[in-house]
C-alpha atoms as a PDB file:
ATOM      1  CA  MET A   1      18.814 -49.759  -1.477  1.00  0.00           C
ATOM      2  CA  ALA A   2      15.978 -48.784  -3.822  1.00  0.00           C
ATOM      3  CA  ASN A   3      17.739 -46.785  -6.383  1.00  0.00           C
ATOM      4  CA  LEU A   4      21.169 -48.368  -6.845  1.00  0.00           C
ATOM      5  CA  PRO A   5      22.157 -46.387  -9.562  1.00  0.00           C
ATOM      6  CA  LEU A   6      21.561 -43.246  -7.756  1.00  0.00           C
ATOM      7  CA  HIS A   7      23.397 -44.619  -4.676  1.00  0.00           C
ATOM      8  CA  ALA A   8      26.358 -45.311  -6.795  1.00  0.00           C
ATOM      9  CA  THR A   9      26.399 -41.809  -8.390  1.00  0.00           C
ATOM     10  CA  ILE A  10      26.275 -40.200  -4.743  1.00  0.00           C
ATOM     11  CA  THR A  11      28.799 -42.303  -3.408  1.00  0.00           C
ATOM     12  CA  ALA A  12      31.192 -41.540  -6.333  1.00  0.00           C
ATOM     13  CA  SER A  13      30.388 -37.925  -5.771  1.00  0.00           C
ATOM     14  CA  VAL A  14      31.794 -38.202  -2.173  1.00  0.00           C
ATOM     15  CA  ARG A  15      34.663 -40.313  -3.345  1.00  0.00           C
ATOM     16  CA  ALA A  16      35.535 -37.405  -5.604  1.00  0.00           C
ATOM     17  CA  LEU A  17      35.259 -35.029  -2.755  1.00  0.00           C
ATOM     18  CA  VAL A  18      37.558 -37.030  -0.569  1.00  0.00           C
ATOM     19  CA  ALA A  19      40.297 -37.299  -3.647  1.00  0.00           C
ATOM     20  CA  GLU A  20      39.992 -33.577  -4.331  1.00  0.00           C
ATOM     21  CA  ALA A  21      40.508 -32.656  -0.457  1.00  0.00           C
ATOM     22  CA  THR A  22      43.315 -34.980   0.053  1.00  0.00           C
ATOM     23  CA  GLY A  23      45.086 -35.348  -3.196  1.00  0.00           C
ATOM     24  CA  LEU A  24      44.600 -39.231  -3.452  1.00  0.00           C
ATOM     25  CA  ASP A  25      43.942 -40.660  -6.665  1.00  0.00           C
ATOM     26  CA  PHE A  26      40.331 -41.203  -7.222  1.00  0.00           C
ATOM     27  CA  ASP A  27      40.745 -44.694  -9.160  1.00  0.00           C
ATOM     28  CA  THR A  28      43.419 -46.157  -7.026  1.00  0.00           C
ATOM     29  CA  ALA A  29      43.496 -44.654  -3.676  1.00  0.00           C
ATOM     30  CA  VAL A  30      39.801 -43.631  -2.942  1.00  0.00           C
ATOM     31  CA  ILE A  31      37.815 -46.681  -3.027  1.00  0.00           C
ATOM     32  CA  PRO A  32      34.425 -48.090  -1.718  1.00  0.00           C
ATOM     33  CA  ALA A  33      34.876 -49.638   1.598  1.00  0.00           C
ATOM     34  CA  ASP A  34      32.929 -52.753   0.363  1.00  0.00           C
ATOM     35  CA  ASP A  35      35.469 -53.082  -2.608  1.00  0.00           C
ATOM     36  CA  ASN A  36      36.797 -56.931  -2.544  1.00  0.00           C
ATOM     37  CA  HIS A  37      40.424 -56.227  -3.837  1.00  0.00           C
ATOM     38  CA  PRO A  38      43.499 -56.039  -1.987  1.00  0.00           C
ATOM     39  CA  ALA A  39      44.270 -52.728  -0.469  1.00  0.00           C
ATOM     40  CA  PRO A  40      46.224 -50.075  -2.022  1.00  0.00           C
ATOM     41  CA  ASN A  41      49.884 -49.612  -1.454  1.00  0.00           C
ATOM     42  CA  GLY A  42      50.594 -46.322   0.712  1.00  0.00           C
ATOM     43  CA  LEU A  43      47.993 -44.053   1.990  1.00  0.00           C
ATOM     44  CA  TYR A  44      44.300 -44.709   0.890  1.00  0.00           C
ATOM     45  CA  ALA A  45      40.930 -43.917   1.985  1.00  0.00           C
ATOM     46  CA  THR A  46      37.662 -45.930   1.970  1.00  0.00           C
ATOM     47  CA  VAL A  47      34.189 -44.451   1.563  1.00  0.00           C
ATOM     48  CA  LEU A  48      31.130 -46.289   2.955  1.00  0.00           C
ATOM     49  CA  ALA A  49      27.541 -44.981   2.481  1.00  0.00           C
ATOM     50  CA  SER A  50      25.487 -46.055   5.498  1.00  0.00           C
ATOM     51  CA  THR A  51      22.303 -44.519   4.371  1.00  0.00           C
ATOM     52  CA  ILE A  52      21.042 -42.498   1.546  1.00  0.00           C
ATOM     53  CA  ARG A  53      17.424 -41.113   1.625  1.00  0.00           C
ATOM     54  CA  MET A  54      15.191 -38.691   0.194  1.00  0.00           C
ATOM     55  CA  GLU A  55      14.347 -35.390   2.029  1.00  0.00           C
ATOM     56  CA  GLY A  56      10.998 -33.934   1.304  1.00  0.00           C
ATOM     57  CA  LEU A  57       9.266 -34.290  -2.053  1.00  0.00           C
ATOM     58  CA  ASP A  58      10.671 -33.677  -5.448  1.00  0.00           C
ATOM     59  CA  SER A  59       9.803 -30.592  -7.326  1.00  0.00           C
ATOM     60  CA  GLU A  60       8.873 -30.159 -11.034  1.00  0.00           C
ATOM     61  CA  THR A  61       9.809 -26.989 -13.212  1.00  0.00           C
ATOM     62  CA  VAL A  62       8.691 -26.215 -16.805  1.00  0.00           C
ATOM     63  CA  SER A  63      10.463 -23.393 -18.671  1.00  0.00           C
ATOM     64  CA  ASP A  64      10.460 -22.218 -22.354  1.00  0.00           C
ATOM     65  CA  ASN A  65      13.784 -22.931 -23.881  1.00  0.00           C
ATOM     66  CA  SER A  66      13.389 -21.975 -27.410  1.00  0.00           C
ATOM     67  CA  GLY A  67      11.767 -18.649 -27.152  1.00  0.00           C
ATOM     68  CA  ASP A  68       9.242 -19.510 -29.462  1.00  0.00           C
ATOM     69  CA  ASP A  69       7.078 -21.942 -27.374  1.00  0.00           C
ATOM     70  CA  THR A  70       8.254 -24.958 -29.558  1.00  0.00           C
ATOM     71  CA  GLN A  71      10.185 -26.667 -26.939  1.00  0.00           C
ATOM     72  CA  SER A  72      10.066 -26.780 -23.099  1.00  0.00           C
ATOM     73  CA  ASP A  73      12.369 -28.125 -20.401  1.00  0.00           C
ATOM     74  CA  ILE A  74      10.780 -30.146 -17.727  1.00  0.00           C
ATOM     75  CA  GLY A  75      13.098 -30.560 -14.783  1.00  0.00           C
ATOM     76  CA  ILE A  76      12.760 -32.558 -11.546  1.00  0.00           C
ATOM     77  CA  LYS A  77      14.821 -31.506  -8.348  1.00  0.00           C
ATOM     78  CA  GLY A  78      15.205 -33.528  -5.351  1.00  0.00           C
ATOM     79  CA  ASN A  79      17.447 -33.596  -2.166  1.00  0.00           C
ATOM     80  CA  ARG A  80      19.169 -36.637  -0.971  1.00  0.00           C
ATOM     81  CA  ILE A  81      20.873 -37.127   2.180  1.00  0.00           C
ATOM     82  CA  GLY A  82      23.603 -39.458   2.542  1.00  0.00           C
ATOM     83  CA  PHE A  83      25.476 -40.719   5.847  1.00  0.00           C
ATOM     84  CA  PHE A  84      28.984 -41.643   4.764  1.00  0.00           C
ATOM     85  CA  SER A  85      31.962 -43.049   7.099  1.00  0.00           C
ATOM     86  CA  ILE A  86      35.441 -42.239   5.628  1.00  0.00           C
ATOM     87  CA  GLN A  87      38.487 -44.158   6.836  1.00  0.00           C
ATOM     88  CA  PHE A  88      42.071 -43.262   5.921  1.00  0.00           C
ATOM     89  CA  TYR A  89      44.592 -46.075   6.345  1.00  0.00           C
ATOM     90  CA  ARG A  90      48.523 -46.113   6.615  1.00  0.00           C
ATOM     91  CA  SER A  91      51.175 -43.248   7.004  1.00  0.00           C
ATOM     92  CA  GLY A  92      49.839 -39.838   6.442  1.00  0.00           C
ATOM     93  CA  ALA A  93      46.057 -40.705   7.490  1.00  0.00           C
ATOM     94  CA  ASN A  94      46.384 -38.025  10.320  1.00  0.00           C
ATOM     95  CA  ASP A  95      47.359 -35.472   7.609  1.00  0.00           C
ATOM     96  CA  ALA A  96      44.668 -36.506   5.137  1.00  0.00           C
ATOM     97  CA  VAL A  97      41.641 -36.495   7.768  1.00  0.00           C
ATOM     98  CA  MET A  98      42.868 -33.142   8.674  1.00  0.00           C
ATOM     99  CA  ASP A  99      42.818 -32.038   4.998  1.00  0.00           C
ATOM    100  CA  MET A 100      39.389 -33.657   4.489  1.00  0.00           C
ATOM    101  CA  ILE A 101      37.928 -31.546   7.547  1.00  0.00           C
ATOM    102  CA  GLN A 102      39.285 -28.423   6.190  1.00  0.00           C
ATOM    103  CA  TYR A 103      38.779 -28.588   2.409  1.00  0.00           C
ATOM    104  CA  PRO A 104      34.868 -28.166   2.365  1.00  0.00           C
ATOM    105  CA  CYS A 105      35.262 -24.919   4.305  1.00  0.00           C
ATOM    106  CA  SER A 106      37.783 -23.334   1.712  1.00  0.00           C
ATOM    107  CA  SER A 107      36.340 -21.542  -1.196  1.00  0.00           C
ATOM    108  CA  VAL A 108      37.947 -23.943  -3.546  1.00  0.00           C
ATOM    109  CA  GLY A 109      36.070 -26.805  -1.501  1.00  0.00           C
ATOM    110  CA  GLN A 110      32.984 -24.756  -1.751  1.00  0.00           C
ATOM    111  CA  ILE A 111      33.139 -24.193  -5.501  1.00  0.00           C
ATOM    112  CA  PHE A 112      34.073 -28.044  -5.989  1.00  0.00           C
ATOM    113  CA  MET A 113      30.947 -29.296  -3.963  1.00  0.00           C
ATOM    114  CA  ALA A 114      28.668 -26.569  -5.662  1.00  0.00           C
ATOM    115  CA  GLU A 115      29.777 -27.977  -9.063  1.00  0.00           C
ATOM    116  CA  ASN A 116      29.089 -31.543  -7.918  1.00  0.00           C
ATOM    117  CA  SER A 117      25.617 -30.893  -6.359  1.00  0.00           C
ATOM    118  CA  LEU A 118      26.982 -31.385  -2.976  1.00  0.00           C
ATOM    119  CA  THR A 119      26.328 -29.634   0.575  1.00  0.00           C
ATOM    120  CA  LEU A 120      27.967 -30.512   3.794  1.00  0.00           C
ATOM    121  CA  ARG A 121      25.442 -30.753   6.263  1.00  0.00           C
ATOM    122  CA  ARG A 122      27.409 -32.233   9.274  1.00  0.00           C
ATOM    123  CA  MET A 123      30.835 -33.401   9.882  1.00  0.00           C
ATOM    124  CA  GLY A 124      31.769 -35.637  12.946  1.00  0.00           C
ATOM    125  CA  GLU A 125      34.988 -35.498  14.859  1.00  0.00           C
ATOM    126  CA  ALA A 126      37.996 -37.170  13.496  1.00  0.00           C
ATOM    127  CA  ARG A 127      38.449 -40.651  15.394  1.00  0.00           C
ATOM    128  CA  ASP A 128      41.905 -42.197  15.888  1.00  0.00           C
ATOM    129  CA  ILE A 129      41.398 -45.936  15.247  1.00  0.00           C
ATOM    130  CA  LYS A 130      45.070 -46.962  14.810  1.00  0.00           C
ATOM    131  CA  ALA A 131      45.706 -50.707  14.468  1.00  0.00           C
ATOM    132  CA  VAL A 132      48.726 -52.979  15.149  1.00  0.00           C
ATOM    133  CA  MET A 133      49.762 -54.170  11.718  1.00  0.00           C
ATOM    134  CA  GLY A 134      52.677 -56.879  12.051  1.00  0.00           C
ATOM    135  CA  SER A 135      54.726 -55.385  14.861  1.00  0.00           C
ATOM    136  CA  LYS A 136      53.886 -51.702  14.356  1.00  0.00           C
ATOM    137  CA  TYR A 137      51.042 -49.505  14.836  1.00  0.00           C
ATOM    138  CA  GLU A 138      49.464 -48.237  11.455  1.00  0.00           C
ATOM    139  CA  GLU A 139      47.852 -44.655  11.422  1.00  0.00           C
ATOM    140  CA  ARG A 140      44.384 -44.925  10.860  1.00  0.00           C
ATOM    141  CA  GLN A 141      41.674 -42.179  11.139  1.00  0.00           C
ATOM    142  CA  GLN A 142      37.721 -42.152  10.730  1.00  0.00           C
ATOM    143  CA  LEU A 143      35.494 -39.434   9.615  1.00  0.00           C
ATOM    144  CA  ASP A 144      31.642 -39.507   9.686  1.00  0.00           C
ATOM    145  CA  ILE A 145      30.095 -36.786   7.475  1.00  0.00           C
ATOM    146  CA  GLU A 146      26.311 -36.094   6.471  1.00  0.00           C
ATOM    147  CA  ILE A 147      26.226 -34.961   2.936  1.00  0.00           C
ATOM    148  CA  GLY A 148      23.412 -33.300   0.840  1.00  0.00           C
ATOM    149  CA  TRP A 149      23.007 -34.020  -2.860  1.00  0.00           C
ATOM    150  CA  ILE A 150      20.836 -32.273  -5.138  1.00  0.00           C
ATOM    151  CA  ASN A 151      19.268 -34.369  -7.677  1.00  0.00           C
ATOM    152  CA  THR A 152      18.468 -32.836 -10.901  1.00  0.00           C
ATOM    153  CA  LYS A 153      17.109 -34.231 -14.156  1.00  0.00           C
ATOM    154  CA  THR A 154      15.880 -32.211 -17.092  1.00  0.00           C
ATOM    155  CA  ASP A 155      14.071 -33.511 -20.336  1.00  0.00           C
ATOM    156  CA  THR A 156      13.316 -31.366 -23.154  1.00  0.00           C
ATOM    157  CA  VAL A 157      10.320 -31.861 -24.938  1.00  0.00           C
ATOM    158  CA  ASN A 158       8.556 -30.326 -27.968  1.00  0.00           C
ATOM    159  CA  SER A 159       5.562 -28.328 -27.375  1.00  0.00           C
ATOM    160  CA  LEU A 160       2.455 -28.320 -29.345  1.00  0.00           C
ATOM    161  CA  ALA A 161       2.142 -24.681 -30.855  1.00  0.00           C
ATOM    162  CA  SER A 162      -0.759 -25.215 -33.114  1.00  0.00           C
ATOM    163  CA  ALA A 163      -3.018 -28.008 -34.280  1.00  0.00           C
ATOM    164  CA  GLU A 164      -5.850 -28.482 -37.043  1.00  0.00           C
ATOM    165  CA  ILE A 165      -8.803 -30.369 -35.968  1.00  0.00           C
ATOM    166  CA  THR A 166     -11.329 -31.832 -38.321  1.00  0.00           C
ATOM    167  CA  ILE A 167     -14.593 -32.933 -37.039  1.00  0.00           C
ATOM    168  CA  ASN A 168     -16.738 -35.057 -39.261  1.00  0.00           C
ATOM    169  CA  THR A 169     -20.357 -35.620 -38.132  1.00  0.00           C
ATOM    170  CA  THR A 170     -23.566 -36.942 -39.658  1.00  0.00           C
ATOM    171  CA  ALA A 171     -26.841 -35.585 -38.555  1.00  0.00           C
ATOM    172  CA  ASP A 172     -30.299 -36.628 -40.147  1.00  0.00           C
ATOM    173  CA  GLY A 173     -28.492 -38.327 -43.031  1.00  0.00           C
ATOM    174  CA  VAL A 174     -26.376 -35.104 -44.071  1.00  0.00           C
ATOM    175  CA  ASP A 175     -22.691 -34.950 -43.525  1.00  0.00           C
ATOM    176  CA  TYR A 176     -20.839 -32.110 -42.057  1.00  0.00           C
ATOM    177  CA  THR A 177     -17.173 -31.413 -41.973  1.00  0.00           C
ATOM    178  CA  ASP A 178     -15.802 -28.647 -39.674  1.00  0.00           C
ATOM    179  CA  ASN A 179     -12.265 -27.421 -39.527  1.00  0.00           C
ATOM    180  CA  LEU A 180     -10.987 -25.890 -36.418  1.00  0.00           C
ATOM    181  CA  GLU A 181      -7.195 -24.528 -35.786  1.00  0.00           C
ATOM    182  CA  VAL A 182      -6.182 -24.080 -32.351  1.00  0.00           C
ATOM    183  CA  THR A 183      -3.001 -22.030 -31.636  1.00  0.00           C
ATOM    184  CA  GLU A 184      -1.256 -20.740 -28.373  1.00  0.00           C
END
């Protein structure tokens, strides 16, 4: 992955979405699928980012944020598309996958996604992937989703409102000094 910090940020945003949708704890029960720790006790979910890519070109905006032309905000905005596989394990997996399917369509879910720069582009069907664990079947569900993420970065820079320029020249043995003031 070319931009690992961005990859981790988008994956964390999707993990937060899963936690909000299902009520599972972000830190202990919604884990990266490639986490190399023992599985949590009870219901838990894993989130795997299979692909995260750029969509289109990033765009730049410049705006005056001070009112007196002394500072400007330079913003860069771009869209990223991520393909994620979410798996739910153990008792409650069937209910959790249904919560995950319904949450983005609710007003609360849409607000959460907007606040976290997420857009739902596509949601697959829930797949029953139950397995035998010991002598019993364990509930397991898989849901593949395509998420859009709006990447924004803004820097504030000081603007040059005026400058004084001094030009020193020598012509035919005579020194000349010219002062010039430039203002917006």
